[in-house]
Amino acid sequence: MTPDYKTGEQALDAAIRAYPWMNFHLVAYDEVSLIVRGTLDLSYGYQLQIEFGDVGYLDCPMTWRTATHAQVFSKVDPATLRDDARERFFDGNGGEVFRFAVEGVHRPWFAHIVAARMRFFAAAHGEYLSWSDQAGAFDSRCRAGREG
């Protein structure tokens, strides 16, 4: 399967919200790239793969769950961040601030990823992709900024 990559936070949020809930798993991280997969049932596989390039900051759990009745994924305008958050996110880093809504035990909260690029692909609705597929999908073209 050749993934049909898409970009844009609204497109990703719509892909996530097509499901009644989504469990996310951070499945790969190296010096500059991060892969997160979303699934309804991890024993069957996954529905979404989200790839971030030139990651400068990461504040999220290894796994999390979110309801999809409200916005799940968004890009944050740095001007709307509190000063301490902006300083932490951009301390020697550049890029965009992406965030996921997380269902916390006590209340909802947000996971944040600061990265230069984000792209994703999704399985056909109702289908699962194998966990072993696309294991190294974040290849050198994306790391170097030449997606495609």
C-alpha atoms as a PDB file:
ATOM      1  CA  MET A   1       0.000   0.000   0.000  1.00  0.00           C
ATOM      2  CA  THR A   2       1.279   3.425  -0.913  1.00  0.00           C
ATOM      3  CA  PRO A   3      -0.063   5.893   1.645  1.00  0.00           C
ATOM      4  CA  ASP A   4      -2.186   8.789   0.410  1.00  0.00           C
ATOM      5  CA  TYR A   5      -0.740  11.533   2.614  1.00  0.00           C
ATOM      6  CA  LYS A   6      -2.751  14.576   3.546  1.00  0.00           C
ATOM      7  CA  THR A   7      -1.840  17.703   5.491  1.00  0.00           C
ATOM      8  CA  GLY A   8      -3.782  20.316   7.424  1.00  0.00           C
ATOM      9  CA  GLU A   9      -5.086  20.274  10.945  1.00  0.00           C
ATOM     10  CA  GLN A  10      -8.739  20.553   9.903  1.00  0.00           C
ATOM     11  CA  ALA A  11      -8.440  17.549   7.584  1.00  0.00           C
ATOM     12  CA  LEU A  12      -6.800  15.495  10.337  1.00  0.00           C
ATOM     13  CA  ASP A  13      -9.399  16.550  12.905  1.00  0.00           C
ATOM     14  CA  ALA A  14     -12.166  15.514  10.489  1.00  0.00           C
ATOM     15  CA  ALA A  15     -10.497  12.128   9.897  1.00  0.00           C
ATOM     16  CA  ILE A  16     -10.279  11.544  13.665  1.00  0.00           C
ATOM     17  CA  ARG A  17     -13.827  12.715  14.328  1.00  0.00           C
ATOM     18  CA  ALA A  18     -15.209  10.260  11.762  1.00  0.00           C
ATOM     19  CA  TYR A  19     -14.927   7.707  14.589  1.00  0.00           C
ATOM     20  CA  PRO A  20     -16.786   7.573  17.937  1.00  0.00           C
ATOM     21  CA  TRP A  21     -13.486   7.688  19.873  1.00  0.00           C
ATOM     22  CA  MET A  22      -9.799   7.239  19.140  1.00  0.00           C
ATOM     23  CA  ASN A  23      -6.903   5.774  21.098  1.00  0.00           C
ATOM     24  CA  PHE A  24      -3.495   7.194  20.187  1.00  0.00           C
ATOM     25  CA  HIS A  25      -0.093   5.557  20.530  1.00  0.00           C
ATOM     26  CA  LEU A  26       3.300   7.193  20.101  1.00  0.00           C
ATOM     27  CA  VAL A  27       4.989   4.439  18.068  1.00  0.00           C
ATOM     28  CA  ALA A  28       8.264   5.996  16.853  1.00  0.00           C
ATOM     29  CA  TYR A  29      10.439   8.932  17.781  1.00  0.00           C
ATOM     30  CA  ASP A  30      13.978   9.877  16.825  1.00  0.00           C
ATOM     31  CA  GLU A  31      15.961  13.115  16.815  1.00  0.00           C
ATOM     32  CA  VAL A  32      13.617  14.922  14.431  1.00  0.00           C
ATOM     33  CA  SER A  33      10.554  12.812  13.621  1.00  0.00           C
ATOM     34  CA  LEU A  34       7.577  11.446  15.519  1.00  0.00           C
ATOM     35  CA  ILE A  35       4.904   8.941  14.478  1.00  0.00           C
ATOM     36  CA  VAL A  36       1.567   8.696  16.291  1.00  0.00           C
ATOM     37  CA  ARG A  37      -1.042   6.097  15.352  1.00  0.00           C
ATOM     38  CA  GLY A  38      -4.747   6.255  16.109  1.00  0.00           C
ATOM     39  CA  THR A  39      -6.968   3.207  16.531  1.00  0.00           C
ATOM     40  CA  LEU A  40     -10.351   2.078  17.741  1.00  0.00           C
ATOM     41  CA  ASP A  41      -8.962  -1.307  18.813  1.00  0.00           C
ATOM     42  CA  LEU A  42      -5.222  -1.863  19.013  1.00  0.00           C
ATOM     43  CA  SER A  43      -5.642  -5.642  18.791  1.00  0.00           C
ATOM     44  CA  TYR A  44      -6.860  -5.264  15.180  1.00  0.00           C
ATOM     45  CA  GLY A  45      -4.509  -2.563  13.918  1.00  0.00           C
ATOM     46  CA  TYR A  46      -4.809   1.179  13.377  1.00  0.00           C
ATOM     47  CA  GLN A  47      -6.821   3.643  11.291  1.00  0.00           C
ATOM     48  CA  LEU A  48      -4.563   6.730  11.256  1.00  0.00           C
ATOM     49  CA  GLN A  49      -0.856   7.421  11.066  1.00  0.00           C
ATOM     50  CA  ILE A  50       0.244  10.956  11.893  1.00  0.00           C
ATOM     51  CA  GLU A  51       3.833  11.982  11.177  1.00  0.00           C
ATOM     52  CA  PHE A  52       5.580  15.068  12.497  1.00  0.00           C
ATOM     53  CA  GLY A  53       8.874  16.363  11.042  1.00  0.00           C
ATOM     54  CA  ASP A  54      11.549  18.541  12.617  1.00  0.00           C
ATOM     55  CA  VAL A  55      10.105  18.018  16.096  1.00  0.00           C
ATOM     56  CA  GLY A  56      11.439  20.541  18.591  1.00  0.00           C
ATOM     57  CA  TYR A  57       9.218  19.937  21.622  1.00  0.00           C
ATOM     58  CA  LEU A  58       7.027  17.075  22.809  1.00  0.00           C
ATOM     59  CA  ASP A  59       4.622  17.054  25.755  1.00  0.00           C
ATOM     60  CA  CYS A  60       2.358  14.022  25.522  1.00  0.00           C
ATOM     61  CA  PRO A  61       1.886  10.593  27.060  1.00  0.00           C
ATOM     62  CA  MET A  62       2.955   7.445  25.227  1.00  0.00           C
ATOM     63  CA  THR A  63      -0.721   6.470  24.820  1.00  0.00           C
ATOM     64  CA  TRP A  64      -3.958   8.374  25.315  1.00  0.00           C
ATOM     65  CA  ARG A  65      -7.641   8.240  24.533  1.00  0.00           C
ATOM     66  CA  THR A  66      -9.947  10.954  23.329  1.00  0.00           C
ATOM     67  CA  ALA A  67     -13.643  11.341  22.652  1.00  0.00           C
ATOM     68  CA  THR A  68     -14.501  12.731  19.254  1.00  0.00           C
ATOM     69  CA  HIS A  69     -17.654  14.740  20.003  1.00  0.00           C
ATOM     70  CA  ALA A  70     -15.578  17.966  20.007  1.00  0.00           C
ATOM     71  CA  GLN A  71     -12.396  19.138  18.276  1.00  0.00           C
ATOM     72  CA  VAL A  72      -9.535  16.688  18.865  1.00  0.00           C
ATOM     73  CA  PHE A  73      -6.607  18.015  16.810  1.00  0.00           C
ATOM     74  CA  SER A  74      -5.690  21.629  16.172  1.00  0.00           C
ATOM     75  CA  LYS A  75      -2.863  24.022  15.474  1.00  0.00           C
ATOM     76  CA  VAL A  76      -2.354  26.687  18.151  1.00  0.00           C
ATOM     77  CA  ASP A  77      -1.523  30.304  17.405  1.00  0.00           C
ATOM     78  CA  PRO A  78       1.583  31.001  19.554  1.00  0.00           C
ATOM     79  CA  ALA A  79       0.228  34.481  20.355  1.00  0.00           C
ATOM     80  CA  THR A  80      -2.628  32.855  22.304  1.00  0.00           C
ATOM     81  CA  LEU A  81      -0.271  30.881  24.563  1.00  0.00           C
ATOM     82  CA  ARG A  82       0.657  32.013  28.047  1.00  0.00           C
ATOM     83  CA  ASP A  83       4.188  33.432  28.205  1.00  0.00           C
ATOM     84  CA  ASP A  84       5.566  30.457  30.163  1.00  0.00           C
ATOM     85  CA  ALA A  85       4.134  27.952  27.653  1.00  0.00           C
ATOM     86  CA  ARG A  86       5.443  29.923  24.670  1.00  0.00           C
ATOM     87  CA  GLU A  87       8.910  30.126  26.231  1.00  0.00           C
ATOM     88  CA  ARG A  88       8.914  26.381  26.979  1.00  0.00           C
ATOM     89  CA  PHE A  89       7.622  25.341  23.539  1.00  0.00           C
ATOM     90  CA  PHE A  90       9.998  27.586  21.591  1.00  0.00           C
ATOM     91  CA  ASP A  91      13.124  27.498  23.769  1.00  0.00           C
ATOM     92  CA  GLY A  92      15.575  26.976  20.907  1.00  0.00           C
ATOM     93  CA  ASN A  93      12.825  25.396  18.793  1.00  0.00           C
ATOM     94  CA  GLY A  94      10.848  26.507  15.796  1.00  0.00           C
ATOM     95  CA  GLY A  95       7.777  25.225  14.041  1.00  0.00           C
ATOM     96  CA  GLU A  96       4.052  25.034  14.628  1.00  0.00           C
ATOM     97  CA  VAL A  97       2.294  24.098  17.869  1.00  0.00           C
ATOM     98  CA  PHE A  98      -0.020  21.127  17.318  1.00  0.00           C
ATOM     99  CA  ARG A  99      -2.265  19.797  20.053  1.00  0.00           C
ATOM    100  CA  PHE A 100      -4.451  16.798  20.785  1.00  0.00           C
ATOM    101  CA  ALA A 101      -7.374  16.816  23.217  1.00  0.00           C
ATOM    102  CA  VAL A 102      -6.754  14.107  25.828  1.00  0.00           C
ATOM    103  CA  GLU A 103      -9.317  12.466  28.116  1.00  0.00           C
ATOM    104  CA  GLY A 104      -7.680  12.838  31.517  1.00  0.00           C
ATOM    105  CA  VAL A 105      -8.738  11.006  34.672  1.00  0.00           C
ATOM    106  CA  HIS A 106      -9.729  14.209  36.454  1.00  0.00           C
ATOM    107  CA  ARG A 107     -10.473  16.486  33.486  1.00  0.00           C
ATOM    108  CA  PRO A 108      -9.627  16.897  29.807  1.00  0.00           C
ATOM    109  CA  TRP A 109      -6.230  18.379  28.941  1.00  0.00           C
ATOM    110  CA  PHE A 110      -4.015  18.812  25.885  1.00  0.00           C
ATOM    111  CA  ALA A 111      -0.907  17.094  24.543  1.00  0.00           C
ATOM    112  CA  HIS A 112       1.418  19.410  22.573  1.00  0.00           C
ATOM    113  CA  ILE A 113       3.891  18.787  19.763  1.00  0.00           C
ATOM    114  CA  VAL A 114       6.017  21.558  18.248  1.00  0.00           C
ATOM    115  CA  ALA A 115       7.126  20.549  14.752  1.00  0.00           C
ATOM    116  CA  ALA A 116       7.837  22.112  11.382  1.00  0.00           C
ATOM    117  CA  ARG A 117       5.656  19.642   9.444  1.00  0.00           C
ATOM    118  CA  MET A 118       2.703  17.326   9.925  1.00  0.00           C
ATOM    119  CA  ARG A 119       1.195  14.851   7.505  1.00  0.00           C
ATOM    120  CA  PHE A 120      -1.107  11.853   7.909  1.00  0.00           C
ATOM    121  CA  PHE A 121      -2.796   9.008   6.113  1.00  0.00           C
ATOM    122  CA  ALA A 122      -5.887   7.043   6.997  1.00  0.00           C
ATOM    123  CA  ALA A 123      -7.289   3.606   6.298  1.00  0.00           C
ATOM    124  CA  ALA A 124     -10.599   3.373   4.479  1.00  0.00           C
ATOM    125  CA  HIS A 125     -13.374   3.929   7.015  1.00  0.00           C
ATOM    126  CA  GLY A 126     -14.035   0.732   8.956  1.00  0.00           C
ATOM    127  CA  GLU A 127     -10.737  -0.880   7.932  1.00  0.00           C
ATOM    128  CA  TYR A 128      -7.603  -1.488   9.966  1.00  0.00           C
ATOM    129  CA  LEU A 129      -3.974  -1.251   8.883  1.00  0.00           C
ATOM    130  CA  SER A 130      -1.470  -3.737  10.287  1.00  0.00           C
ATOM    131  CA  TRP A 131       0.840  -2.476  13.036  1.00  0.00           C
ATOM    132  CA  SER A 132       3.781  -3.883  11.056  1.00  0.00           C
ATOM    133  CA  ASP A 133       2.915  -1.886   7.898  1.00  0.00           C
ATOM    134  CA  GLN A 134       4.603   1.458   7.336  1.00  0.00           C
ATOM    135  CA  ALA A 135       6.965   0.940  10.296  1.00  0.00           C
ATOM    136  CA  GLY A 136       9.545   3.275   8.775  1.00  0.00           C
ATOM    137  CA  ALA A 137       7.158   5.501   6.850  1.00  0.00           C
ATOM    138  CA  PHE A 138       8.757   8.717   8.031  1.00  0.00           C
ATOM    139  CA  ASP A 139      11.559   8.478   5.553  1.00  0.00           C
ATOM    140  CA  SER A 140      14.510  10.714   4.807  1.00  0.00           C
ATOM    141  CA  ARG A 141      12.557  12.848   2.293  1.00  0.00           C
ATOM    142  CA  CYS A 142      10.261  14.109   5.046  1.00  0.00           C
ATOM    143  CA  ARG A 143      13.102  14.529   7.529  1.00  0.00           C
ATOM    144  CA  ALA A 144      14.859  16.728   4.997  1.00  0.00           C
ATOM    145  CA  GLY A 145      11.679  18.667   4.260  1.00  0.00           C
ATOM    146  CA  ARG A 146      11.051  17.147   0.839  1.00  0.00           C
ATOM    147  CA  GLU A 147       7.718  15.428   1.372  1.00  0.00           C
ATOM    148  CA  GLY A 148       6.152  13.405  -1.344  1.00  0.00           C
END
